[in-house]
N, C-alpha and C. Protein backbone atom coordinates (compact mmCIF):
# COMPACT_ATOMS: atom_id res chain seq x y z
N UNK A 1 119.00 126.94 76.77
CA UNK A 1 119.59 126.62 78.06
C UNK A 1 118.64 125.76 78.91
N UNK A 2 117.33 126.11 78.91
CA UNK A 2 116.37 125.35 79.69
C UNK A 2 116.28 123.91 79.19
N UNK A 3 116.33 123.72 77.89
CA UNK A 3 116.28 122.38 77.31
C UNK A 3 117.49 121.58 77.75
N UNK A 4 118.68 122.20 77.77
CA UNK A 4 119.89 121.52 78.19
C UNK A 4 119.78 121.06 79.64
N UNK A 5 119.28 121.94 80.52
CA UNK A 5 119.13 121.60 81.94
C UNK A 5 118.14 120.44 82.09
N UNK A 6 117.03 120.47 81.38
CA UNK A 6 116.04 119.39 81.46
C UNK A 6 116.64 118.07 80.99
N UNK A 7 117.38 118.09 79.89
CA UNK A 7 118.01 116.87 79.38
C UNK A 7 119.06 116.36 80.34
N UNK A 8 119.83 117.25 80.93
CA UNK A 8 120.85 116.84 81.89
C UNK A 8 120.21 116.19 83.11
N UNK A 9 119.14 116.79 83.63
CA UNK A 9 118.46 116.21 84.80
C UNK A 9 117.84 114.87 84.44
N UNK A 10 117.25 114.75 83.27
CA UNK A 10 116.65 113.49 82.84
C UNK A 10 117.71 112.41 82.72
N UNK A 11 118.89 112.74 82.21
CA UNK A 11 119.97 111.77 82.06
C UNK A 11 120.45 111.28 83.42
N UNK A 12 120.64 112.20 84.36
CA UNK A 12 121.08 111.82 85.70
C UNK A 12 120.04 110.93 86.36
N UNK A 13 118.77 111.26 86.25
CA UNK A 13 117.70 110.46 86.83
C UNK A 13 117.66 109.08 86.21
N UNK A 14 117.83 108.99 84.91
CA UNK A 14 117.80 107.69 84.23
C UNK A 14 118.94 106.81 84.69
N UNK A 15 120.14 107.37 84.82
CA UNK A 15 121.29 106.59 85.26
C UNK A 15 121.10 106.15 86.70
N UNK A 16 120.65 107.07 87.55
CA UNK A 16 120.44 106.74 88.96
C UNK A 16 119.35 105.68 89.11
N UNK A 17 118.27 105.79 88.35
CA UNK A 17 117.17 104.84 88.46
C UNK A 17 117.57 103.45 87.99
N UNK A 18 118.60 103.35 87.18
CA UNK A 18 119.04 102.05 86.68
C UNK A 18 119.78 101.25 87.74
N UNK A 19 120.23 101.89 88.80
CA UNK A 19 120.93 101.16 89.85
C UNK A 19 119.92 100.51 90.78
N UNK A 20 120.30 99.38 91.37
CA UNK A 20 119.36 98.65 92.23
C UNK A 20 119.08 99.38 93.54
N UNK A 21 119.93 100.32 93.92
CA UNK A 21 119.75 101.01 95.19
C UNK A 21 118.74 102.15 95.09
N UNK A 22 118.33 102.52 93.90
CA UNK A 22 117.40 103.64 93.72
C UNK A 22 115.99 103.11 93.55
N UNK A 23 115.18 103.18 94.61
CA UNK A 23 113.82 102.66 94.55
C UNK A 23 112.78 103.73 94.79
N UNK A 24 113.20 104.95 95.02
CA UNK A 24 112.22 105.98 95.36
C UNK A 24 111.30 106.30 94.20
N UNK A 25 111.71 106.00 92.98
CA UNK A 25 110.87 106.27 91.83
C UNK A 25 109.87 105.17 91.54
N UNK A 26 109.86 104.09 92.32
CA UNK A 26 108.96 102.98 92.08
C UNK A 26 107.57 103.32 92.61
N UNK A 27 106.55 103.14 91.81
CA UNK A 27 105.18 103.36 92.23
C UNK A 27 104.57 101.99 92.55
N UNK A 28 104.63 101.59 93.84
CA UNK A 28 104.16 100.27 94.23
C UNK A 28 102.67 100.09 93.99
N UNK A 29 101.92 101.18 93.92
CA UNK A 29 100.49 101.05 93.71
C UNK A 29 100.16 100.51 92.32
N UNK A 30 101.14 100.50 91.42
CA UNK A 30 100.90 99.95 90.09
C UNK A 30 100.75 98.43 90.12
N UNK A 31 101.39 97.76 91.07
CA UNK A 31 101.31 96.30 91.07
C UNK A 31 100.91 95.71 92.42
N UNK A 32 100.75 96.54 93.42
CA UNK A 32 100.19 96.10 94.71
C UNK A 32 98.93 96.93 94.90
N UNK A 33 97.79 96.29 94.98
CA UNK A 33 96.53 97.02 95.05
C UNK A 33 96.27 97.55 96.46
N UNK A 34 97.14 98.44 96.92
CA UNK A 34 96.99 99.06 98.24
C UNK A 34 97.36 100.53 98.13
N UNK A 35 96.95 101.28 99.10
CA UNK A 35 97.36 102.68 99.23
C UNK A 35 98.16 102.79 100.52
N UNK A 36 99.48 102.80 100.43
CA UNK A 36 100.31 102.81 101.64
C UNK A 36 100.06 104.01 102.53
N UNK A 37 100.01 103.74 103.84
CA UNK A 37 99.87 104.76 104.86
C UNK A 37 101.26 105.10 105.39
N UNK A 38 102.10 104.07 105.48
CA UNK A 38 103.43 104.23 106.06
C UNK A 38 104.36 103.22 105.42
N UNK A 39 105.65 103.57 105.32
CA UNK A 39 106.66 102.66 104.78
C UNK A 39 107.84 102.66 105.74
N UNK A 40 108.45 101.49 105.91
CA UNK A 40 109.61 101.35 106.80
C UNK A 40 110.55 100.33 106.18
N UNK A 41 111.74 100.21 106.74
CA UNK A 41 112.72 99.26 106.25
C UNK A 41 113.48 98.65 107.43
N UNK A 42 114.06 97.49 107.22
CA UNK A 42 114.90 96.88 108.25
C UNK A 42 116.35 96.97 107.79
N UNK A 43 117.28 96.40 108.57
CA UNK A 43 118.70 96.54 108.25
C UNK A 43 119.10 95.79 106.98
N UNK A 44 118.30 94.82 106.54
CA UNK A 44 118.61 94.10 105.30
C UNK A 44 118.10 94.85 104.07
N UNK A 45 117.33 95.92 104.30
CA UNK A 45 116.79 96.70 103.20
C UNK A 45 115.40 96.29 102.77
N UNK A 46 114.82 95.27 103.41
CA UNK A 46 113.45 94.88 103.09
C UNK A 46 112.51 96.04 103.39
N UNK A 47 111.49 96.18 102.57
CA UNK A 47 110.52 97.27 102.72
C UNK A 47 109.24 96.75 103.35
N UNK A 48 108.66 97.52 104.23
CA UNK A 48 107.40 97.18 104.89
C UNK A 48 106.41 98.29 104.60
N UNK A 49 105.26 97.93 104.08
CA UNK A 49 104.22 98.90 103.77
C UNK A 49 103.02 98.66 104.67
N UNK A 50 102.54 99.70 105.32
CA UNK A 50 101.32 99.63 106.10
C UNK A 50 100.23 100.27 105.28
N UNK A 51 99.12 99.58 105.14
CA UNK A 51 97.99 100.11 104.38
C UNK A 51 96.71 99.60 105.01
N UNK A 52 95.60 100.01 104.44
CA UNK A 52 94.31 99.49 104.87
C UNK A 52 93.89 98.45 103.84
N UNK A 53 93.52 97.26 104.31
CA UNK A 53 93.07 96.20 103.40
C UNK A 53 91.79 96.67 102.72
N UNK A 54 91.74 96.60 101.40
CA UNK A 54 90.57 97.10 100.67
C UNK A 54 89.25 96.51 101.17
N UNK A 55 88.32 97.41 101.50
CA UNK A 55 86.97 97.00 101.88
C UNK A 55 86.81 96.44 103.27
N UNK A 56 87.87 96.45 104.11
CA UNK A 56 87.76 95.84 105.42
C UNK A 56 87.88 96.82 106.58
N UNK A 57 88.66 97.89 106.39
CA UNK A 57 88.95 98.80 107.49
C UNK A 57 90.05 98.27 108.39
N UNK A 58 90.59 97.09 108.08
CA UNK A 58 91.67 96.48 108.87
C UNK A 58 93.03 96.88 108.30
N UNK A 59 94.04 96.85 109.16
CA UNK A 59 95.39 97.13 108.72
C UNK A 59 95.95 95.97 107.92
N UNK A 60 96.84 96.26 107.00
CA UNK A 60 97.51 95.26 106.18
C UNK A 60 98.98 95.63 106.14
N UNK A 61 99.86 94.70 106.53
CA UNK A 61 101.30 94.91 106.47
C UNK A 61 101.85 94.02 105.36
N UNK A 62 102.59 94.64 104.44
CA UNK A 62 103.18 93.92 103.32
C UNK A 62 104.69 94.06 103.41
N UNK A 63 105.40 92.91 103.34
CA UNK A 63 106.86 92.94 103.34
C UNK A 63 107.34 92.66 101.92
N UNK A 64 108.20 93.56 101.42
CA UNK A 64 108.77 93.43 100.08
C UNK A 64 110.26 93.15 100.19
N UNK A 65 110.80 92.47 99.20
CA UNK A 65 112.24 92.23 99.15
C UNK A 65 112.98 93.56 99.05
N UNK A 66 114.27 93.53 99.34
CA UNK A 66 115.07 94.76 99.34
C UNK A 66 115.07 95.45 97.99
N UNK A 67 114.93 94.70 96.92
CA UNK A 67 114.89 95.34 95.60
C UNK A 67 113.50 95.83 95.24
N UNK A 68 112.51 95.55 96.09
CA UNK A 68 111.15 96.03 95.89
C UNK A 68 110.37 95.28 94.83
N UNK A 69 110.88 94.15 94.36
CA UNK A 69 110.25 93.43 93.26
C UNK A 69 109.43 92.23 93.68
N UNK A 70 109.60 91.77 94.92
CA UNK A 70 108.93 90.54 95.36
C UNK A 70 108.19 90.76 96.67
N UNK A 71 106.93 90.35 96.72
CA UNK A 71 106.18 90.36 97.97
C UNK A 71 106.60 89.12 98.75
N UNK A 72 107.20 89.32 99.93
CA UNK A 72 107.65 88.21 100.76
C UNK A 72 106.52 87.68 101.62
N UNK A 73 105.70 88.56 102.15
CA UNK A 73 104.49 88.16 102.88
C UNK A 73 103.58 89.35 103.07
N UNK A 74 102.33 89.04 103.39
CA UNK A 74 101.35 90.04 103.79
C UNK A 74 100.66 89.54 105.04
N UNK A 75 100.40 90.44 105.97
CA UNK A 75 99.75 90.08 107.22
C UNK A 75 98.54 90.97 107.43
N UNK A 76 97.42 90.35 107.73
CA UNK A 76 96.18 91.05 108.05
C UNK A 76 95.89 90.75 109.52
N UNK A 77 96.34 91.63 110.44
CA UNK A 77 96.20 91.35 111.87
C UNK A 77 94.77 91.18 112.36
N UNK A 78 93.78 91.70 111.64
CA UNK A 78 92.40 91.54 112.06
C UNK A 78 91.84 92.72 112.83
N UNK A 79 92.53 93.85 112.77
CA UNK A 79 92.06 95.07 113.42
C UNK A 79 92.64 96.26 112.67
N UNK A 80 92.04 97.42 112.88
CA UNK A 80 92.56 98.64 112.28
C UNK A 80 93.92 98.98 112.87
N UNK A 81 94.81 99.53 112.06
CA UNK A 81 96.16 99.86 112.52
C UNK A 81 96.43 101.34 112.21
N UNK A 82 96.88 102.08 113.25
CA UNK A 82 97.20 103.50 113.07
C UNK A 82 98.66 103.75 112.70
N UNK A 83 99.57 102.89 113.17
CA UNK A 83 101.00 103.13 112.93
C UNK A 83 101.76 101.81 112.98
N UNK A 84 102.96 101.83 112.40
CA UNK A 84 103.81 100.66 112.35
C UNK A 84 105.26 101.08 112.60
N UNK A 85 106.03 100.20 113.22
CA UNK A 85 107.47 100.41 113.39
C UNK A 85 108.16 99.08 113.11
N UNK A 86 109.34 99.15 112.53
CA UNK A 86 110.12 97.95 112.23
C UNK A 86 111.50 98.14 112.83
N UNK A 87 111.96 97.15 113.61
CA UNK A 87 113.30 97.26 114.17
C UNK A 87 114.32 96.72 113.16
N UNK A 88 115.62 96.92 113.40
CA UNK A 88 116.63 96.51 112.43
C UNK A 88 116.58 95.02 112.08
N UNK A 89 116.11 94.18 113.02
CA UNK A 89 116.04 92.74 112.77
C UNK A 89 114.81 92.31 111.99
N UNK A 90 113.91 93.22 111.68
CA UNK A 90 112.72 92.89 110.91
C UNK A 90 111.50 92.58 111.74
N UNK A 91 111.58 92.79 113.06
CA UNK A 91 110.38 92.62 113.89
C UNK A 91 109.45 93.79 113.62
N UNK A 92 108.17 93.49 113.41
CA UNK A 92 107.18 94.52 113.07
C UNK A 92 106.25 94.73 114.25
N UNK A 93 106.10 95.98 114.64
CA UNK A 93 105.22 96.36 115.74
C UNK A 93 104.14 97.27 115.17
N UNK A 94 102.88 97.00 115.51
CA UNK A 94 101.78 97.81 115.02
C UNK A 94 100.99 98.37 116.19
N UNK A 95 100.47 99.58 116.01
CA UNK A 95 99.64 100.20 117.02
C UNK A 95 98.19 100.15 116.54
N UNK A 96 97.38 99.35 117.21
CA UNK A 96 95.98 99.25 116.80
C UNK A 96 95.26 100.59 116.87
N UNK A 97 94.31 100.77 115.96
CA UNK A 97 93.49 101.98 115.96
C UNK A 97 92.67 102.01 117.24
N UNK A 98 92.53 103.18 117.81
CA UNK A 98 91.73 103.31 119.03
C UNK A 98 90.28 103.60 118.67
N UNK A 99 89.42 103.18 119.54
CA UNK A 99 87.98 103.42 119.38
C UNK A 99 87.59 104.63 120.21
N UNK A 100 86.53 105.29 119.82
CA UNK A 100 86.05 106.46 120.57
C UNK A 100 85.80 106.08 122.03
N UNK A 101 86.34 106.85 122.94
CA UNK A 101 86.15 106.63 124.36
C UNK A 101 87.11 105.61 124.97
N UNK A 102 87.90 104.94 124.16
CA UNK A 102 88.86 103.93 124.65
C UNK A 102 90.13 104.64 125.08
N UNK A 103 90.52 104.48 126.33
CA UNK A 103 91.72 105.13 126.84
C UNK A 103 92.89 104.16 126.96
N UNK A 104 92.70 102.91 126.58
CA UNK A 104 93.79 101.94 126.67
C UNK A 104 94.75 102.15 125.50
N UNK A 105 95.99 101.68 125.69
CA UNK A 105 97.02 101.81 124.67
C UNK A 105 97.85 100.54 124.69
N UNK A 106 98.02 99.93 123.54
CA UNK A 106 98.88 98.76 123.47
C UNK A 106 99.49 98.63 122.09
N UNK A 107 100.54 97.84 122.02
CA UNK A 107 101.28 97.59 120.78
C UNK A 107 101.23 96.09 120.52
N UNK A 108 101.04 95.71 119.27
CA UNK A 108 101.04 94.29 118.90
C UNK A 108 102.28 94.01 118.05
N UNK A 109 102.86 92.83 118.24
CA UNK A 109 104.04 92.44 117.47
C UNK A 109 103.64 91.32 116.51
N UNK A 110 103.99 91.48 115.25
CA UNK A 110 103.74 90.43 114.26
C UNK A 110 104.88 89.43 114.32
N UNK A 111 104.57 88.16 114.07
CA UNK A 111 105.64 87.18 114.06
C UNK A 111 106.51 87.37 112.82
N UNK A 112 107.70 86.78 112.83
CA UNK A 112 108.71 87.03 111.80
C UNK A 112 108.23 86.66 110.39
N UNK A 113 107.36 85.68 110.27
CA UNK A 113 106.87 85.28 108.95
C UNK A 113 105.65 86.05 108.51
N UNK A 114 105.15 86.94 109.37
CA UNK A 114 104.00 87.76 109.01
C UNK A 114 102.67 87.03 109.05
N UNK A 115 102.64 85.82 109.63
CA UNK A 115 101.42 85.05 109.60
C UNK A 115 100.49 85.29 110.78
N UNK A 116 100.81 86.23 111.64
CA UNK A 116 99.91 86.51 112.74
C UNK A 116 100.55 87.38 113.81
N UNK A 117 99.75 87.67 114.82
CA UNK A 117 100.20 88.49 115.95
C UNK A 117 100.73 87.57 117.03
N UNK A 118 101.89 87.93 117.60
CA UNK A 118 102.45 87.15 118.71
C UNK A 118 101.76 87.49 119.99
């Protein structure tokens, strides 16, 4: 009985993973050399990954196509990033990391092409 249940679950997972809408099983770290901190999506289904750029301590935002197979752009804002939000239109907002003793708070918006901060 246990073998039947395992085979049934494996079959359902295989069929579901074959559809383009099932991306939760994708391990992006296999082909993008980053460790995601946060993931978001816009209304078109594009994926946005927030990570730390290797060896820099700076935030890195990567935009992937809706199918998760193509890197559309990467943006290195030039400062540490604690959090990211994406609105339905694809505008990306990042919250810079705060420094010890700093009581200021601000949000930075990346331009639509990901090439810098507006």
